[in-house]
Amino acid sequence: VQLQASGGGLVQAGGFLSLSCAASERTFGSYAVGWFRQAPGKEREFVGYIRWSGSSAIYADSVKGRFTISRDIAKNTVYLQMNSLKPEDTAIYYCAATTGTLSRYAGSWTSWGQGTQLTVSS
């Protein structure tokens, strides 16, 4: 499956932004979709994921309570709603998909979008 992330931009601390991850395949239902982020000089970090067939999502502790992942089946799109943004949220955000075992380890995810930049100013 091909993924395209979009929606990044420049936001002030305390602000909000929503990212989108659109999938190329209509049969997105067998995948889980995850969000990861990578700041300059740091490893790619797990943000959260959602099973396409379910409504619940799993989050990293660093974003829990501030970020929400949701999906629109009709649009074949997964969203990452980010609230109460902090400068440390600044990173390139990637969406990923897998039909395999769900993991917080980036190497377990098989399909990746190109990434979208989020910059949070203080």
C-alpha atoms as a PDB file:
ATOM      1  CA  VAL A   1       0.000   0.000   0.000  1.00  0.00           C
ATOM      2  CA  GLN A   2       1.225   3.503  -0.785  1.00  0.00           C
ATOM      3  CA  LEU A   3       0.795   6.195   1.830  1.00  0.00           C
ATOM      4  CA  GLN A   4       0.881   9.956   1.610  1.00  0.00           C
ATOM      5  CA  ALA A   5       1.170  12.090   4.720  1.00  0.00           C
ATOM      6  CA  SER A   6       0.207  15.738   4.641  1.00  0.00           C
ATOM      7  CA  GLY A   7      -0.815  18.643   6.826  1.00  0.00           C
ATOM      8  CA  GLY A   8       2.433  19.638   8.470  1.00  0.00           C
ATOM      9  CA  GLY A   9       3.349  23.227   9.145  1.00  0.00           C
ATOM     10  CA  LEU A  10       4.494  25.830  11.641  1.00  0.00           C
ATOM     11  CA  VAL A  11       2.477  26.156  14.850  1.00  0.00           C
ATOM     12  CA  GLN A  12       2.972  28.077  18.064  1.00  0.00           C
ATOM     13  CA  ALA A  13       3.360  26.189  21.315  1.00  0.00           C
ATOM     14  CA  GLY A  14      -0.019  25.374  22.769  1.00  0.00           C
ATOM     15  CA  GLY A  15      -1.591  25.250  19.331  1.00  0.00           C
ATOM     16  CA  PHE A  16      -3.031  22.380  17.354  1.00  0.00           C
ATOM     17  CA  LEU A  17      -2.708  20.760  13.970  1.00  0.00           C
ATOM     18  CA  SER A  18      -4.099  17.739  12.173  1.00  0.00           C
ATOM     19  CA  LEU A  19      -2.095  15.468   9.914  1.00  0.00           C
ATOM     20  CA  SER A  20      -3.577  13.174   7.313  1.00  0.00           C
ATOM     21  CA  CYS A  21      -2.372   9.863   5.927  1.00  0.00           C
ATOM     22  CA  ALA A  22      -4.100   8.816   2.724  1.00  0.00           C
ATOM     23  CA  ALA A  23      -3.760   5.275   1.444  1.00  0.00           C
ATOM     24  CA  SER A  24      -3.720   4.223  -2.171  1.00  0.00           C
ATOM     25  CA  GLU A  25      -5.601   0.995  -1.736  1.00  0.00           C
ATOM     26  CA  ARG A  26      -9.283   0.591  -1.134  1.00  0.00           C
ATOM     27  CA  THR A  27      -8.640  -2.587   0.815  1.00  0.00           C
ATOM     28  CA  PHE A  28      -7.037  -0.711   3.653  1.00  0.00           C
ATOM     29  CA  GLY A  29      -9.114  -2.697   6.110  1.00  0.00           C
ATOM     30  CA  SER A  30      -6.540  -5.386   6.766  1.00  0.00           C
ATOM     31  CA  TYR A  31      -3.847  -2.934   7.847  1.00  0.00           C
ATOM     32  CA  ALA A  32      -2.980  -1.104  10.991  1.00  0.00           C
ATOM     33  CA  VAL A  33      -1.753   2.458  10.523  1.00  0.00           C
ATOM     34  CA  GLY A  34       0.851   4.019  12.726  1.00  0.00           C
ATOM     35  CA  TRP A  35       2.407   7.412  13.184  1.00  0.00           C
ATOM     36  CA  PHE A  36       6.072   7.943  13.909  1.00  0.00           C
ATOM     37  CA  ARG A  37       8.211  11.032  14.135  1.00  0.00           C
ATOM     38  CA  GLN A  38      11.865  11.837  13.736  1.00  0.00           C
ATOM     39  CA  ALA A  39      13.585  14.921  15.059  1.00  0.00           C
ATOM     40  CA  PRO A  40      16.996  16.026  13.737  1.00  0.00           C
ATOM     41  CA  GLY A  41      19.735  13.832  15.103  1.00  0.00           C
ATOM     42  CA  LYS A  42      17.320  11.439  16.779  1.00  0.00           C
ATOM     43  CA  GLU A  43      15.937   8.037  15.990  1.00  0.00           C
ATOM     44  CA  ARG A  44      12.484   7.542  14.596  1.00  0.00           C
ATOM     45  CA  GLU A  45      10.051   7.535  17.495  1.00  0.00           C
ATOM     46  CA  PHE A  46       6.715   5.798  17.891  1.00  0.00           C
ATOM     47  CA  VAL A  47       3.733   8.130  18.262  1.00  0.00           C
ATOM     48  CA  GLY A  48       0.750   5.822  18.050  1.00  0.00           C
ATOM     49  CA  TYR A  49      -1.235   3.436  15.911  1.00  0.00           C
ATOM     50  CA  ILE A  50      -4.764   2.384  15.171  1.00  0.00           C
ATOM     51  CA  ARG A  51      -6.115  -0.869  13.846  1.00  0.00           C
ATOM     52  CA  TRP A  52      -8.135  -0.232  10.739  1.00  0.00           C
ATOM     53  CA  SER A  53     -10.789  -2.636  11.943  1.00  0.00           C
ATOM     54  CA  GLY A  54     -11.074  -1.084  15.371  1.00  0.00           C
ATOM     55  CA  SER A  55     -11.754   2.289  16.873  1.00  0.00           C
ATOM     56  CA  SER A  56      -9.203   2.238  19.690  1.00  0.00           C
ATOM     57  CA  ALA A  57      -5.672   3.537  19.354  1.00  0.00           C
ATOM     58  CA  ILE A  58      -2.414   3.103  21.234  1.00  0.00           C
ATOM     59  CA  TYR A  59      -0.189   6.081  22.042  1.00  0.00           C
ATOM     60  CA  ALA A  60       3.277   6.816  23.251  1.00  0.00           C
ATOM     61  CA  ASP A  61       3.367   8.246  26.751  1.00  0.00           C
ATOM     62  CA  SER A  62       4.852  11.478  25.418  1.00  0.00           C
ATOM     63  CA  VAL A  63       1.708  12.270  23.411  1.00  0.00           C
ATOM     64  CA  LYS A  64      -1.011  10.505  25.379  1.00  0.00           C
ATOM     65  CA  GLY A  65      -3.850  12.868  26.189  1.00  0.00           C
ATOM     66  CA  ARG A  66      -2.723  15.397  23.581  1.00  0.00           C
ATOM     67  CA  PHE A  67      -2.774  13.434  20.324  1.00  0.00           C
ATOM     68  CA  THR A  68      -5.667  11.472  18.857  1.00  0.00           C
ATOM     69  CA  ILE A  69      -5.581   9.030  15.959  1.00  0.00           C
ATOM     70  CA  SER A  70      -8.735   8.373  14.004  1.00  0.00           C
ATOM     71  CA  ARG A  71      -9.682   6.951  10.654  1.00  0.00           C
ATOM     72  CA  ASP A  72     -12.223   7.644   7.942  1.00  0.00           C
ATOM     73  CA  ILE A  73     -12.981   4.393   6.201  1.00  0.00           C
ATOM     74  CA  ALA A  74     -14.845   6.030   3.336  1.00  0.00           C
ATOM     75  CA  LYS A  75     -11.887   8.290   2.583  1.00  0.00           C
ATOM     76  CA  ASN A  76      -9.235   5.611   3.211  1.00  0.00           C
ATOM     77  CA  THR A  77      -7.505   8.124   5.449  1.00  0.00           C
ATOM     78  CA  VAL A  78      -6.058   8.143   8.949  1.00  0.00           C
ATOM     79  CA  TYR A  79      -5.704  11.357  10.925  1.00  0.00           C
ATOM     80  CA  LEU A  80      -3.417  12.500  13.697  1.00  0.00           C
ATOM     81  CA  GLN A  81      -5.001  15.318  15.662  1.00  0.00           C
ATOM     82  CA  MET A  82      -2.357  17.061  17.739  1.00  0.00           C
ATOM     83  CA  ASN A  83      -3.337  19.449  20.533  1.00  0.00           C
ATOM     84  CA  SER A  84      -1.374  21.349  23.150  1.00  0.00           C
ATOM     85  CA  LEU A  85       1.691  21.197  20.957  1.00  0.00           C
ATOM     86  CA  LYS A  86       5.125  21.645  22.486  1.00  0.00           C
ATOM     87  CA  PRO A  87       8.445  22.619  20.899  1.00  0.00           C
ATOM     88  CA  GLU A  88       9.665  19.069  21.548  1.00  0.00           C
ATOM     89  CA  ASP A  89       6.965  17.802  19.193  1.00  0.00           C
ATOM     90  CA  THR A  90       8.930  19.347  16.335  1.00  0.00           C
ATOM     91  CA  ALA A  91       9.839  16.568  13.911  1.00  0.00           C
ATOM     92  CA  ILE A  92       9.090  15.010  10.573  1.00  0.00           C
ATOM     93  CA  TYR A  93       5.974  12.924  11.011  1.00  0.00           C
ATOM     94  CA  TYR A  94       5.568   9.703   9.097  1.00  0.00           C
ATOM     95  CA  CYS A  95       2.632   7.377   8.709  1.00  0.00           C
ATOM     96  CA  ALA A  96       3.183   3.692   8.238  1.00  0.00           C
ATOM     97  CA  ALA A  97       1.123   0.597   7.642  1.00  0.00           C
ATOM     98  CA  THR A  98       1.460  -3.086   8.357  1.00  0.00           C
ATOM     99  CA  THR A  99      -0.541  -6.278   8.246  1.00  0.00           C
ATOM    100  CA  GLY A 100       1.899  -7.971  10.610  1.00  0.00           C
ATOM    101  CA  THR A 101       2.524  -7.863  14.309  1.00  0.00           C
ATOM    102  CA  LEU A 102       1.897  -4.446  15.770  1.00  0.00           C
ATOM    103  CA  SER A 103       4.927  -2.928  17.399  1.00  0.00           C
ATOM    104  CA  ARG A 104       6.327   0.361  18.599  1.00  0.00           C
ATOM    105  CA  TYR A 105       9.470  -0.513  16.685  1.00  0.00           C
ATOM    106  CA  ALA A 106       9.658   1.298  13.359  1.00  0.00           C
ATOM    107  CA  GLY A 107      11.385  -1.623  11.668  1.00  0.00           C
ATOM    108  CA  SER A 108       8.259  -3.737  12.056  1.00  0.00           C
ATOM    109  CA  TRP A 109       6.220  -1.510   9.778  1.00  0.00           C
ATOM    110  CA  THR A 110       6.329  -2.382   6.091  1.00  0.00           C
ATOM    111  CA  SER A 111       4.885   0.591   4.208  1.00  0.00           C
ATOM    112  CA  TRP A 112       5.835   4.222   4.782  1.00  0.00           C
ATOM    113  CA  GLY A 113       4.682   7.598   3.614  1.00  0.00           C
ATOM    114  CA  GLN A 114       7.126  10.361   2.697  1.00  0.00           C
ATOM    115  CA  GLY A 115       6.784  12.370   5.917  1.00  0.00           C
ATOM    116  CA  THR A 116       5.500  15.835   6.700  1.00  0.00           C
ATOM    117  CA  GLN A 117       7.293  18.459   8.778  1.00  0.00           C
ATOM    118  CA  LEU A 118       5.836  19.868  11.976  1.00  0.00           C
ATOM    119  CA  THR A 119       7.587  22.788  13.616  1.00  0.00           C
ATOM    120  CA  VAL A 120       6.371  24.095  16.953  1.00  0.00           C
ATOM    121  CA  SER A 121       7.718  27.481  17.941  1.00  0.00           C
ATOM    122  CA  SER A 122       8.082  28.549  21.552  1.00  0.00           C
END
